[in-house]
Amino acid sequence: MLIRLADIALYLGDFSEAQRYGRSALDLASTSDASLRARCYGIVAATEYFGGDIRAAETRFGTALELLESLSEADRDRVIHSTILANLGTVAETKQEWAAAEHHHREALRLRREVADARGVLQSLHALGRARLGAGDRDDAERYFAEAGQLAESLGETLERAKIWHTRAELLLRDGDASRARELAISALETFTLSRTRYDITHARVTLSRAALASGQERLAVQQGALARSAVQVMGYGLLCVLYPQDVFDLAARIDGALTAYACGDALGLPWEGRPDASARATSGQIEQLPAREGWPRGATSDDTALTLLVAHHLADRDGDGDPAAFLADLAEQEATIRGLGPTTTAAIERFRRGSEAVGSPGRATNGAAMRALPIGWVLPHDQAERRRQVTIAMSRATHADPAALVAACVIAACASWALEGASPSMLLEAAIEEAHEAAQAATTEPRLAEMLTQMSAGTWEPPTNGISLDPYETVAAVLWCATRTTALCDGLVNAVRLGGDTDTVAALVGGLIGGKLTAEQVRAELPWHQLVVPPEPESAIAETAAALATSRAIQSV
């Protein structure tokens, strides 16, 4: 029964359950039953393989093979033997050891033919095609794929046929035929979805994302890639991280990078706040020296970083749900330790202490809500736009009730979510314009920010020459103007400072968007002056918060 349950869990892609059943069966298996123990070792090894621990899987598959080969050929279970050989062949494929892969797959094919295991023969033919392709014999590979495809048709094996489509999609993508690759990946994904094989679904989404990007459909690429990455994190499909390191990246590491870049941008801009003439004339070298602002220690961060971290902690503790009253209570408690709080936020804290209703209170249209909105986009997936908008508006109204402040915050949260998934500058601006329209409707105000961003997309918007004010729309436009004109983090931050005005907020938000495509280590490598920055929390604490946000995001996506 345990073996059967493990097989079902493996089929469905629930590898943690499969491993639990496999280990339990191994504990109960008699030491004299080598075939059963080999079967159990094979199950556990398969879960290790799909989890990304290739070395452990190879070792355990090897142990299983040794157990089987210790038996006489007459006593050896050939079905189990062929399965272990096939798995060793797959491990060899992953390691690009093509001769070994072909050897194992040929032996598995021989055994499967001997016992008339038609489905196993089909799987071995497909595997031999992959091995020959890896060895550089395209014609031979195509013959194996064709034979496997014909057998799948005759057997009515829709799942195995879809796996062959998936392999062909990868091959077409490698050949540069992205459009056909995308079509085949979609067909494979549809079959996998009907079959409820979650690992196959996730793998196909990765392929579809890559094919969509290569064929000019970036929105589809981002959407499918995001779903795949979340499934990898929740289900533990670490093998896909090994196979596609550029596509299946660590969301926690990217949020950590975004928070790190945000703090660096804040510290870079703080000395130049309110000095548009000086910042415009300053060289990159002068800006990157992080001169001390009068009354502040060198490298200090402002209320921008403190409040953004406060929101991040708040959301991480609540799985992405916001509680405006609890947030205000935390804010009021920490007010004395947060330097540089803006007038709107300070007034909201005073109203809260008097017991007034924060949501219904009048508020000046400033950029304080937008300044701290990035974590909402990091914790809520880009495809949960309505929920993200609701949380952003609720959390923003705690201190900033003006409709313009709400719209600006919604746009920043949306951009954070898309940037985290690798959206290009043009895609980021497109998403910002869409969100500006939707948020304006939700806040019952005119779509003025959407119009400004549309002008930016057309190349007709320019930042004001007298510096960026506290106006929320002007701030968001300036941030996106900087974040979409370069992909280099340092350039984006320096450009933000040179705009003058509210330099710390603009540079911090630019850092949060561009840094969302980097790890914290990469951010520090790009900003040699990061050692001068004094964030309000240790790096380890920021990394823990990032991990909590990423986990919540992934769970809500699957």
Protein backbone atom coordinates (compact mmCIF):
# COMPACT_ATOMS: atom_id res chain seq x y z
CA MET A 1 0.00 0.00 0.00
CA LEU A 2 2.80 2.46 0.86
CA ILE A 3 4.51 1.79 -2.47
CA ARG A 4 1.26 2.39 -4.31
CA LEU A 5 0.68 5.65 -2.45
CA ALA A 6 4.25 6.72 -3.24
CA ASP A 7 3.71 5.97 -6.94
CA ILE A 8 0.55 8.08 -6.99
CA ALA A 9 2.31 10.96 -5.24
CA LEU A 10 5.20 10.76 -7.73
CA TYR A 11 2.76 10.86 -10.64
CA LEU A 12 0.98 13.90 -9.23
CA GLY A 13 4.26 15.70 -8.48
CA ASP A 14 3.83 15.66 -4.71
CA PHE A 15 7.40 14.64 -4.02
CA SER A 16 7.42 15.35 -0.28
CA GLU A 17 4.55 12.89 0.16
CA ALA A 18 6.20 10.38 -2.15
CA GLN A 19 9.38 10.55 -0.12
CA ARG A 20 7.49 10.10 3.13
CA TYR A 21 5.73 7.00 1.81
CA GLY A 22 8.96 5.68 0.28
CA ARG A 23 10.92 6.05 3.48
CA SER A 24 8.13 4.44 5.50
CA ALA A 25 8.04 1.50 3.10
CA LEU A 26 11.82 1.19 3.31
CA ASP A 27 11.65 1.07 7.12
CA LEU A 28 9.12 -1.75 6.92
CA ALA A 29 10.84 -3.70 4.14
CA SER A 30 12.65 -6.88 5.11
CA THR A 31 16.41 -6.70 4.76
CA SER A 32 16.21 -9.96 2.83
CA ASP A 33 13.87 -8.55 0.18
CA ALA A 34 16.41 -6.85 -2.09
CA SER A 35 13.90 -6.08 -4.85
CA LEU A 36 11.50 -4.31 -2.51
CA ARG A 37 14.27 -2.35 -0.87
CA ALA A 38 15.61 -1.35 -4.28
CA ARG A 39 12.12 -0.18 -5.22
CA CYS A 40 11.94 1.94 -2.07
CA TYR A 41 15.41 3.38 -2.65
CA GLY A 42 14.33 4.25 -6.17
CA ILE A 43 11.27 6.15 -4.94
CA VAL A 44 13.29 8.20 -2.45
CA ALA A 45 16.00 8.81 -5.06
CA ALA A 46 13.40 10.06 -7.54
CA THR A 47 12.15 12.63 -5.03
CA GLU A 48 15.71 13.76 -4.40
CA TYR A 49 16.31 14.08 -8.12
CA PHE A 50 13.24 16.21 -8.80
CA GLY A 51 14.08 18.22 -5.70
CA GLY A 52 17.40 19.17 -7.29
CA ASP A 53 19.80 17.06 -5.22
CA ILE A 54 21.36 15.29 -8.19
CA ARG A 55 24.30 13.81 -6.29
CA ALA A 56 22.14 12.27 -3.57
CA ALA A 57 19.76 10.85 -6.16
CA GLU A 58 22.57 9.29 -8.17
CA THR A 59 24.04 7.70 -5.05
CA ARG A 60 20.71 6.26 -3.96
CA PHE A 61 19.83 4.98 -7.45
CA GLY A 62 23.27 3.38 -7.47
CA THR A 63 22.52 1.65 -4.16
CA ALA A 64 19.27 0.34 -5.58
CA LEU A 65 21.09 -1.00 -8.65
CA GLU A 66 23.68 -2.75 -6.48
CA LEU A 67 20.92 -4.45 -4.49
CA LEU A 68 19.28 -5.74 -7.66
CA GLU A 69 22.51 -6.88 -9.23
CA SER A 70 23.40 -8.80 -6.06
CA LEU A 71 20.56 -11.16 -6.99
CA SER A 72 20.76 -13.82 -9.63
CA GLU A 73 19.27 -12.81 -12.96
CA ALA A 74 16.41 -15.25 -12.45
CA ASP A 75 15.49 -13.67 -9.09
CA ARG A 76 15.86 -10.09 -10.29
CA ASP A 77 12.67 -8.08 -10.83
CA ARG A 78 13.16 -6.78 -14.37
CA VAL A 79 10.50 -4.07 -14.11
CA ILE A 80 12.19 -2.56 -11.06
CA HIS A 81 15.60 -3.09 -12.67
CA SER A 82 14.58 -1.27 -15.86
CA THR A 83 13.10 1.59 -13.85
CA ILE A 84 16.31 2.09 -11.86
CA LEU A 85 18.40 1.97 -15.06
CA ALA A 86 16.11 4.49 -16.74
CA ASN A 87 16.40 6.82 -13.74
CA LEU A 88 20.18 6.56 -13.77
CA GLY A 89 20.04 7.44 -17.46
CA THR A 90 17.99 10.52 -16.68
CA VAL A 91 20.48 11.57 -14.00
CA ALA A 92 23.28 11.17 -16.54
CA GLU A 93 21.33 13.39 -18.97
CA THR A 94 21.14 16.11 -16.34
CA LYS A 95 24.90 15.86 -15.87
CA GLN A 96 25.32 15.89 -19.69
CA GLU A 97 27.09 12.55 -19.57
CA TRP A 98 25.55 11.39 -22.82
CA ALA A 99 27.38 8.10 -23.27
CA ALA A 100 26.36 6.94 -19.81
CA ALA A 101 22.81 8.15 -20.38
CA GLU A 102 22.55 6.20 -23.63
CA HIS A 103 23.99 3.06 -22.02
CA HIS A 104 21.48 3.08 -19.16
CA HIS A 105 18.53 3.86 -21.44
CA ARG A 106 19.49 1.07 -23.88
CA GLU A 107 19.70 -1.44 -21.06
CA ALA A 108 16.33 -0.27 -19.73
CA LEU A 109 14.83 -0.59 -23.22
CA ARG A 110 16.15 -4.14 -23.57
CA LEU A 111 14.59 -5.23 -20.28
CA ARG A 112 11.30 -3.53 -21.03
CA ARG A 113 11.04 -5.26 -24.36
CA GLU A 114 11.74 -8.60 -22.69
CA VAL A 115 8.81 -8.18 -20.31
CA ALA A 116 6.56 -6.56 -22.96
CA ASP A 117 6.29 -3.28 -21.00
CA ALA A 118 4.92 -1.19 -23.86
CA ARG A 119 4.68 2.04 -21.87
CA GLY A 120 8.19 1.52 -20.55
CA VAL A 121 9.45 0.92 -24.10
CA LEU A 122 7.84 4.19 -25.15
CA GLN A 123 9.55 6.04 -22.30
CA SER A 124 12.93 4.49 -23.15
CA LEU A 125 12.63 5.42 -26.84
CA HIS A 126 11.89 9.00 -25.84
CA ALA A 127 14.85 8.98 -23.44
CA LEU A 128 17.20 7.55 -26.07
CA GLY A 129 16.17 10.35 -28.40
CA ARG A 130 17.16 12.89 -25.75
CA ALA A 131 20.47 11.12 -25.17
CA ARG A 132 21.30 11.00 -28.89
CA LEU A 133 20.34 14.65 -29.22
CA GLY A 134 22.66 15.53 -26.37
CA ALA A 135 25.43 13.57 -28.07
CA GLY A 136 24.92 15.63 -31.22
CA ASP A 137 23.17 13.07 -33.43
CA ARG A 138 20.08 15.01 -34.46
CA ASP A 139 18.94 12.54 -37.14
CA ASP A 140 19.12 9.55 -34.81
CA ALA A 141 17.29 11.52 -32.12
CA GLU A 142 14.50 12.38 -34.53
CA ARG A 143 14.07 8.70 -35.41
CA TYR A 144 13.67 7.81 -31.76
CA PHE A 145 11.22 10.67 -31.18
CA ALA A 146 9.18 9.59 -34.21
CA GLU A 147 9.07 5.96 -33.07
CA ALA A 148 8.12 7.02 -29.54
CA GLY A 149 5.40 9.31 -30.91
CA GLN A 150 3.91 6.55 -33.06
CA LEU A 151 3.90 4.15 -30.12
CA ALA A 152 2.22 6.76 -27.92
CA GLU A 153 -0.50 7.21 -30.54
CA SER A 154 -1.10 3.47 -30.87
CA LEU A 155 -1.24 2.98 -27.11
CA GLY A 156 -3.45 6.01 -26.52
CA GLU A 157 -0.80 7.39 -24.13
CA THR A 158 -1.77 11.07 -24.17
CA LEU A 159 0.50 11.98 -21.27
CA GLU A 160 3.60 10.40 -22.81
CA ARG A 161 2.73 11.97 -26.16
CA ALA A 162 2.56 15.37 -24.46
CA LYS A 163 6.00 14.76 -22.93
CA ILE A 164 7.35 14.17 -26.42
CA TRP A 165 5.69 17.42 -27.57
CA HIS A 166 7.42 19.14 -24.66
CA THR A 167 10.81 17.77 -25.71
CA ARG A 168 10.17 18.90 -29.28
CA ALA A 169 9.20 22.35 -28.00
CA GLU A 170 12.55 22.63 -26.25
CA LEU A 171 14.27 21.48 -29.43
CA LEU A 172 12.42 24.02 -31.58
CA LEU A 173 13.31 26.75 -29.12
CA ARG A 174 16.95 25.78 -29.37
CA ASP A 175 16.64 25.89 -33.17
CA GLY A 176 15.23 29.42 -33.04
CA ASP A 177 11.65 28.54 -34.03
CA ALA A 178 10.07 30.17 -30.98
CA SER A 179 6.56 30.42 -32.41
CA ARG A 180 6.23 26.70 -33.07
CA ALA A 181 7.92 25.98 -29.76
CA ARG A 182 5.31 28.11 -28.02
CA GLU A 183 2.45 26.26 -29.77
CA LEU A 184 3.81 22.85 -28.79
CA ALA A 185 4.47 23.96 -25.22
CA ILE A 186 0.88 25.18 -24.95
CA SER A 187 -0.41 21.83 -26.24
CA ALA A 188 1.77 19.94 -23.79
CA LEU A 189 0.69 22.19 -20.92
CA GLU A 190 -2.99 21.60 -21.71
CA THR A 191 -2.51 17.82 -21.56
CA PHE A 192 -0.45 17.98 -18.39
CA THR A 193 -3.16 20.13 -16.80
CA LEU A 194 -5.83 17.58 -17.70
CA SER A 195 -3.59 14.82 -16.32
CA ARG A 196 -2.98 16.82 -13.11
CA THR A 197 0.75 16.09 -13.21
CA ARG A 198 2.04 19.13 -11.37
CA TYR A 199 5.73 18.75 -12.06
CA ASP A 200 5.07 18.40 -15.79
CA ILE A 201 2.76 21.44 -15.64
CA THR A 202 5.48 23.48 -13.98
CA HIS A 203 8.18 22.31 -16.39
CA ALA A 204 5.96 23.14 -19.37
CA ARG A 205 5.29 26.60 -17.97
CA VAL A 206 9.04 27.25 -17.86
CA THR A 207 9.37 26.19 -21.50
CA LEU A 208 6.33 28.22 -22.52
CA SER A 209 7.72 31.28 -20.72
CA ARG A 210 11.02 30.98 -22.57
CA ALA A 211 9.32 30.42 -25.92
CA ALA A 212 6.89 33.29 -25.38
CA LEU A 213 9.72 35.67 -24.55
CA ALA A 214 11.69 34.57 -27.61
CA SER A 215 8.63 35.07 -29.82
CA GLY A 216 7.90 38.59 -28.58
CA GLN A 217 5.06 37.78 -26.15
CA GLU A 218 6.59 39.12 -22.97
CA ARG A 219 3.37 39.37 -20.98
CA LEU A 220 2.70 35.65 -21.50
CA ALA A 221 6.34 34.93 -20.67
CA VAL A 222 6.15 36.81 -17.37
CA GLN A 223 2.81 35.26 -16.44
CA GLN A 224 3.88 31.68 -17.10
CA GLY A 225 7.31 32.16 -15.57
CA ALA A 226 5.79 33.58 -12.40
CA LEU A 227 3.44 30.62 -12.02
CA ALA A 228 6.32 28.20 -12.57
CA ARG A 229 8.61 29.89 -10.05
CA SER A 230 5.93 29.88 -7.38
CA ALA A 231 5.23 26.19 -7.95
CA VAL A 232 8.94 25.40 -7.75
CA GLN A 233 9.18 27.14 -4.38
CA VAL A 234 6.03 25.63 -2.88
CA MET A 235 6.38 22.10 -4.28
CA GLY A 236 10.16 21.85 -4.01
CA TYR A 237 10.90 21.29 -7.71
CA GLY A 238 14.56 22.20 -7.33
CA LEU A 239 15.54 20.29 -10.46
CA LEU A 240 14.08 23.10 -12.55
CA CYS A 241 16.40 25.56 -10.78
CA VAL A 242 19.30 23.37 -11.87
CA LEU A 243 18.09 23.07 -15.46
CA TYR A 244 16.98 26.70 -15.93
CA PRO A 245 18.92 28.91 -13.50
CA GLN A 246 18.22 32.07 -15.52
CA ASP A 247 14.46 31.48 -15.58
CA VAL A 248 13.69 29.73 -12.28
CA PHE A 249 15.29 32.18 -9.91
CA ASP A 250 14.88 32.61 -6.17
CA LEU A 251 12.16 35.15 -5.40
CA ALA A 252 13.37 35.59 -1.83
CA ALA A 253 16.83 36.52 -3.08
CA ARG A 254 15.31 39.07 -5.44
CA ILE A 255 13.16 40.68 -2.76
CA ASP A 256 16.28 40.83 -0.60
CA GLY A 257 18.05 42.51 -3.50
CA ALA A 258 15.20 44.98 -3.94
CA LEU A 259 15.18 45.92 -0.25
CA THR A 260 18.96 46.29 -0.27
CA ALA A 261 18.87 48.49 -3.37
CA TYR A 262 16.02 50.52 -1.88
CA ALA A 263 18.07 51.30 1.23
CA CYS A 264 21.09 52.17 -0.91
CA GLY A 265 19.00 54.51 -3.06
CA ASP A 266 17.57 56.16 0.04
CA ALA A 267 21.05 56.74 1.50
CA LEU A 268 22.39 57.99 -1.84
CA GLY A 269 19.59 60.52 -2.25
CA LEU A 270 19.27 61.76 1.33
CA PRO A 271 22.23 64.21 1.26
CA TRP A 272 20.82 65.92 -1.86
CA GLU A 273 17.16 66.21 -0.86
CA GLY A 274 15.78 69.67 -1.53
CA ARG A 275 18.97 70.82 -3.31
CA PRO A 276 18.07 70.57 -7.02
CA ASP A 277 20.76 72.95 -8.20
CA ALA A 278 23.51 71.11 -6.31
CA SER A 279 22.37 67.62 -7.29
CA ALA A 280 22.02 68.55 -10.95
CA ARG A 281 25.62 69.84 -11.04
CA ALA A 282 27.11 66.98 -9.00
CA THR A 283 29.23 64.38 -10.73
CA SER A 284 28.59 60.67 -10.29
CA GLY A 285 31.70 60.45 -8.14
CA GLN A 286 30.49 63.21 -5.83
CA ILE A 287 27.06 61.62 -5.45
CA GLU A 288 28.52 58.17 -4.79
CA GLN A 289 30.71 59.53 -2.00
CA LEU A 290 27.52 59.76 0.11
CA PRO A 291 28.45 63.06 1.76
CA ALA A 292 26.89 63.51 5.18
CA ARG A 293 23.73 65.61 5.25
CA GLU A 294 23.73 68.28 7.93
CA GLY A 295 22.47 66.74 11.15
CA TRP A 296 22.59 63.18 9.79
CA PRO A 297 25.38 60.59 9.99
CA ARG A 298 27.03 59.65 6.71
CA GLY A 299 25.27 56.79 4.94
CA ALA A 300 22.07 57.12 6.95
CA THR A 301 18.73 56.05 5.52
CA SER A 302 15.57 58.04 6.05
CA ASP A 303 12.00 57.28 7.06
CA ASP A 304 11.56 55.83 3.56
CA THR A 305 13.53 52.68 4.38
CA ALA A 306 12.17 52.44 7.92
CA LEU A 307 8.55 52.64 6.77
CA THR A 308 9.07 50.26 3.86
CA LEU A 309 10.56 47.69 6.22
CA LEU A 310 7.69 48.27 8.63
CA VAL A 311 5.19 47.49 5.86
CA ALA A 312 7.25 44.48 4.81
CA HIS A 313 7.21 43.06 8.35
CA HIS A 314 3.50 43.78 8.66
CA LEU A 315 2.63 41.91 5.46
CA ALA A 316 5.02 39.03 6.11
CA ASP A 317 3.36 38.41 9.48
CA ARG A 318 -0.10 38.34 7.86
CA ASP A 319 0.51 36.37 4.63
CA GLY A 320 0.00 39.46 2.50
CA ASP A 321 -3.08 40.81 4.25
CA GLY A 322 -2.96 44.35 5.56
CA ASP A 323 -4.48 45.58 8.83
CA PRO A 324 -4.46 49.41 8.67
CA ALA A 325 -5.28 49.87 12.37
CA ALA A 326 -2.52 47.49 13.45
CA PHE A 327 -0.11 49.19 11.06
CA LEU A 328 -0.93 52.60 12.53
CA ALA A 329 -0.46 51.23 16.02
CA ASP A 330 3.00 49.91 15.08
CA LEU A 331 3.81 53.18 13.35
CA ALA A 332 2.78 55.24 16.38
CA GLU A 333 4.84 53.01 18.66
CA GLN A 334 7.96 53.39 16.50
CA GLU A 335 7.53 57.07 15.61
CA ALA A 336 10.24 58.21 17.99
CA THR A 337 12.82 55.95 16.31
CA ILE A 338 11.95 56.94 12.73
CA ARG A 339 13.69 60.07 11.61
CA GLY A 340 12.35 62.31 8.85
CA LEU A 341 8.65 61.38 8.87
CA GLY A 342 6.65 63.47 6.42
CA PRO A 343 3.87 65.89 7.38
CA THR A 344 1.00 63.70 6.20
CA THR A 345 2.24 60.63 8.05
CA THR A 346 2.89 62.63 11.21
CA ALA A 347 -0.61 64.10 11.10
CA ALA A 348 -2.10 60.61 10.66
CA ILE A 349 -0.24 59.37 13.73
CA GLU A 350 -1.59 62.28 15.78
CA ARG A 351 -5.15 61.55 14.61
CA PHE A 352 -4.66 57.90 15.54
CA ARG A 353 -3.51 58.82 19.04
CA ARG A 354 -6.57 61.04 19.45
CA GLY A 355 -8.76 58.13 18.39
CA SER A 356 -9.87 59.74 15.11
CA GLU A 357 -10.78 57.67 12.07
CA ALA A 358 -7.73 57.71 9.81
CA VAL A 359 -9.51 56.50 6.69
CA GLY A 360 -12.06 59.27 6.65
CA SER A 361 -9.65 62.02 7.54
CA PRO A 362 -8.58 64.60 4.97
CA GLY A 363 -5.10 64.18 3.62
CA ARG A 364 -2.72 66.17 1.51
CA ALA A 365 -1.67 64.60 -1.78
CA THR A 366 1.89 63.58 -1.01
CA ASN A 367 4.03 60.59 -1.95
CA GLY A 368 4.28 58.87 1.44
CA ALA A 369 1.95 56.00 0.54
CA ALA A 370 3.72 55.30 -2.74
CA MET A 371 7.08 55.45 -0.98
CA ARG A 372 6.23 52.40 1.18
CA ALA A 373 4.06 50.43 -1.32
CA LEU A 374 6.71 48.17 -2.85
CA PRO A 375 6.32 45.32 -0.32
CA ILE A 376 2.64 44.96 -1.26
CA GLY A 377 3.69 44.17 -4.81
CA TRP A 378 6.40 41.81 -3.62
CA VAL A 379 4.06 39.74 -1.45
CA LEU A 380 1.04 39.65 -3.78
CA PRO A 381 1.45 38.01 -7.21
CA HIS A 382 1.10 40.14 -10.31
CA ASP A 383 -1.99 38.17 -11.39
CA GLN A 384 -3.86 39.10 -8.19
CA ALA A 385 -4.29 42.70 -9.28
CA GLU A 386 -7.66 43.29 -7.63
CA ARG A 387 -6.55 42.03 -4.24
CA ARG A 388 -3.25 43.89 -4.48
CA ARG A 389 -5.15 47.08 -5.27
CA GLN A 390 -7.51 46.60 -2.33
CA VAL A 391 -4.66 45.98 0.11
CA THR A 392 -2.70 48.94 -1.25
CA ILE A 393 -5.64 51.32 -0.93
CA ALA A 394 -6.48 50.13 2.58
CA MET A 395 -2.89 50.39 3.80
CA SER A 396 -2.39 53.76 2.11
CA ARG A 397 -5.55 55.28 3.57
CA ALA A 398 -4.16 54.66 7.03
CA THR A 399 -2.07 57.79 6.49
CA HIS A 400 -2.79 59.17 3.00
CA ALA A 401 -6.47 59.40 2.06
CA ASP A 402 -6.15 61.64 -1.01
CA PRO A 403 -7.14 59.76 -4.21
CA ALA A 404 -3.94 60.80 -5.95
CA ALA A 405 -1.88 59.27 -3.14
CA LEU A 406 -3.87 56.04 -3.44
CA VAL A 407 -3.46 55.79 -7.21
CA ALA A 408 0.27 56.44 -6.99
CA ALA A 409 0.70 53.74 -4.34
CA CYS A 410 -1.26 51.24 -6.45
CA VAL A 411 0.99 51.88 -9.44
CA ILE A 412 4.17 51.43 -7.39
CA ALA A 413 2.84 48.16 -5.91
CA ALA A 414 1.95 46.86 -9.38
CA CYS A 415 5.37 47.78 -10.74
CA ALA A 416 7.05 46.04 -7.81
CA SER A 417 5.17 42.83 -8.59
CA TRP A 418 6.00 42.89 -12.31
CA ALA A 419 9.63 43.96 -11.81
CA LEU A 420 10.19 41.08 -9.41
CA GLU A 421 9.22 38.63 -12.17
CA GLY A 422 11.71 40.17 -14.60
CA ALA A 423 9.49 42.49 -16.65
CA SER A 424 11.41 44.62 -19.15
CA PRO A 425 11.30 48.43 -18.89
CA SER A 426 8.66 48.64 -21.63
CA MET A 427 6.54 45.94 -19.99
CA LEU A 428 6.91 47.68 -16.64
CA LEU A 429 5.65 50.95 -18.09
CA GLU A 430 2.77 49.17 -19.80
CA ALA A 431 1.75 47.54 -16.52
CA ALA A 432 2.03 50.92 -14.76
CA ILE A 433 -0.30 52.58 -17.25
CA GLU A 434 -2.87 49.78 -16.91
CA GLU A 435 -2.77 49.99 -13.13
CA ALA A 436 -3.03 53.78 -13.18
CA HIS A 437 -6.32 53.49 -15.10
CA GLU A 438 -7.71 50.75 -12.82
CA ALA A 439 -6.61 52.46 -9.62
CA ALA A 440 -8.09 55.80 -10.69
CA GLN A 441 -11.41 54.07 -11.24
CA ALA A 442 -11.18 52.36 -7.84
CA ALA A 443 -10.31 55.65 -6.13
CA THR A 444 -13.01 57.51 -8.13
CA THR A 445 -10.65 60.09 -9.56
CA GLU A 446 -9.44 61.19 -12.99
CA PRO A 447 -6.76 59.07 -14.72
CA ARG A 448 -4.22 61.88 -14.70
CA LEU A 449 -1.31 59.62 -13.76
CA ALA A 450 -2.19 57.24 -16.60
CA GLU A 451 -2.07 60.20 -18.99
CA MET A 452 1.34 61.26 -17.67
CA LEU A 453 2.72 57.73 -18.05
CA THR A 454 1.26 57.46 -21.54
CA GLN A 455 3.14 60.62 -22.42
CA MET A 456 6.28 59.06 -20.98
CA SER A 457 5.75 55.98 -23.12
CA ALA A 458 5.48 58.25 -26.15
CA GLY A 459 8.67 60.08 -25.15
CA THR A 460 6.96 63.41 -24.47
CA TRP A 461 7.14 63.55 -20.66
CA GLU A 462 10.13 65.19 -19.04
CA PRO A 463 10.82 65.66 -15.32
CA PRO A 464 10.55 69.21 -13.99
CA THR A 465 13.79 71.17 -13.95
CA ASN A 466 13.27 72.48 -10.43
CA GLY A 467 13.31 69.04 -8.82
CA ILE A 468 10.74 66.39 -7.95
CA SER A 469 8.16 67.58 -5.46
CA LEU A 470 6.16 65.54 -2.93
CA ASP A 471 3.33 65.29 -5.45
CA PRO A 472 2.56 61.54 -5.74
CA TYR A 473 2.04 61.54 -9.51
CA GLU A 474 5.19 63.52 -10.15
CA THR A 475 7.12 61.14 -7.91
CA VAL A 476 5.83 57.99 -9.65
CA ALA A 477 6.53 59.47 -13.08
CA ALA A 478 10.07 60.40 -12.05
CA VAL A 479 10.68 56.91 -10.64
CA LEU A 480 9.54 55.20 -13.82
CA TRP A 481 11.41 57.70 -15.98
CA CYS A 482 14.62 56.63 -14.22
CA ALA A 483 13.80 52.91 -13.92
CA THR A 484 12.85 52.46 -17.57
CA ARG A 485 15.72 54.40 -19.14
CA THR A 486 18.46 52.06 -17.91
CA THR A 487 18.84 48.55 -16.56
CA ALA A 488 22.02 49.45 -14.67
CA LEU A 489 21.23 49.96 -11.00
CA CYS A 490 23.96 52.50 -10.29
CA ASP A 491 23.01 54.63 -13.30
CA GLY A 492 19.35 54.58 -12.31
CA LEU A 493 20.12 55.72 -8.77
CA VAL A 494 22.48 58.50 -9.84
CA ASN A 495 19.97 59.72 -12.43
CA ALA A 496 17.29 59.82 -9.73
CA VAL A 497 19.47 61.97 -7.49
CA ARG A 498 20.29 64.33 -10.34
CA LEU A 499 16.58 65.08 -10.80
CA GLY A 500 16.71 66.96 -7.50
CA GLY A 501 13.89 67.60 -5.07
CA ASP A 502 12.71 64.55 -3.11
CA THR A 503 15.86 62.66 -4.07
CA ASP A 504 15.81 60.05 -1.32
CA THR A 505 12.29 58.81 -2.12
CA VAL A 506 12.80 58.77 -5.88
CA ALA A 507 16.18 57.05 -5.68
CA ALA A 508 14.89 54.54 -3.10
CA LEU A 509 11.94 53.54 -5.31
CA VAL A 510 14.16 53.32 -8.38
CA GLY A 511 16.43 51.03 -6.39
CA GLY A 512 13.49 48.91 -5.31
CA LEU A 513 12.37 48.38 -8.91
CA ILE A 514 15.72 47.83 -10.63
CA GLY A 515 17.05 45.91 -7.62
CA GLY A 516 14.11 43.52 -7.89
CA LYS A 517 15.96 41.79 -10.72
CA LEU A 518 19.10 41.24 -8.62
CA THR A 519 20.17 39.43 -5.50
CA ALA A 520 21.50 41.40 -2.54
CA GLU A 521 24.97 40.15 -3.38
CA GLN A 522 24.63 41.43 -6.95
CA VAL A 523 23.36 44.78 -5.69
CA ARG A 524 26.39 45.16 -3.45
CA ALA A 525 28.69 44.17 -6.30
CA GLU A 526 27.18 46.89 -8.51
CA LEU A 527 27.33 49.52 -5.78
CA PRO A 528 30.84 49.53 -4.29
CA TRP A 529 29.79 52.36 -2.00
CA HIS A 530 27.14 50.14 -0.31
CA GLN A 531 29.55 49.70 2.59
CA LEU A 532 28.88 53.31 3.54
CA VAL A 533 25.12 52.70 3.88
CA VAL A 534 23.74 52.22 7.38
CA PRO A 535 20.37 50.43 7.08
CA PRO A 536 18.03 50.39 10.10
CA GLU A 537 18.19 46.59 10.33
CA PRO A 538 20.96 43.98 9.94
CA GLU A 539 21.33 42.34 6.53
CA SER A 540 20.29 38.99 8.00
CA ALA A 541 17.00 40.42 9.31
CA ILE A 542 16.22 41.99 5.93
CA ALA A 543 16.92 38.65 4.24
CA GLU A 544 14.55 36.86 6.65
CA THR A 545 11.79 39.35 5.88
CA ALA A 546 12.38 38.89 2.15
CA ALA A 547 12.12 35.11 2.53
CA ALA A 548 8.82 35.42 4.41
CA LEU A 549 7.36 37.69 1.72
CA ALA A 550 8.51 35.32 -1.03
CA THR A 551 6.97 32.31 0.69
CA SER A 552 3.64 34.07 1.08
CA ARG A 553 3.72 35.16 -2.57
CA ALA A 554 4.47 31.64 -3.80
CA ILE A 555 1.76 30.00 -1.69
CA GLN A 556 -0.85 32.41 -2.99
CA SER A 557 0.15 31.75 -6.61
CA VAL A 558 -0.16 27.95 -6.56
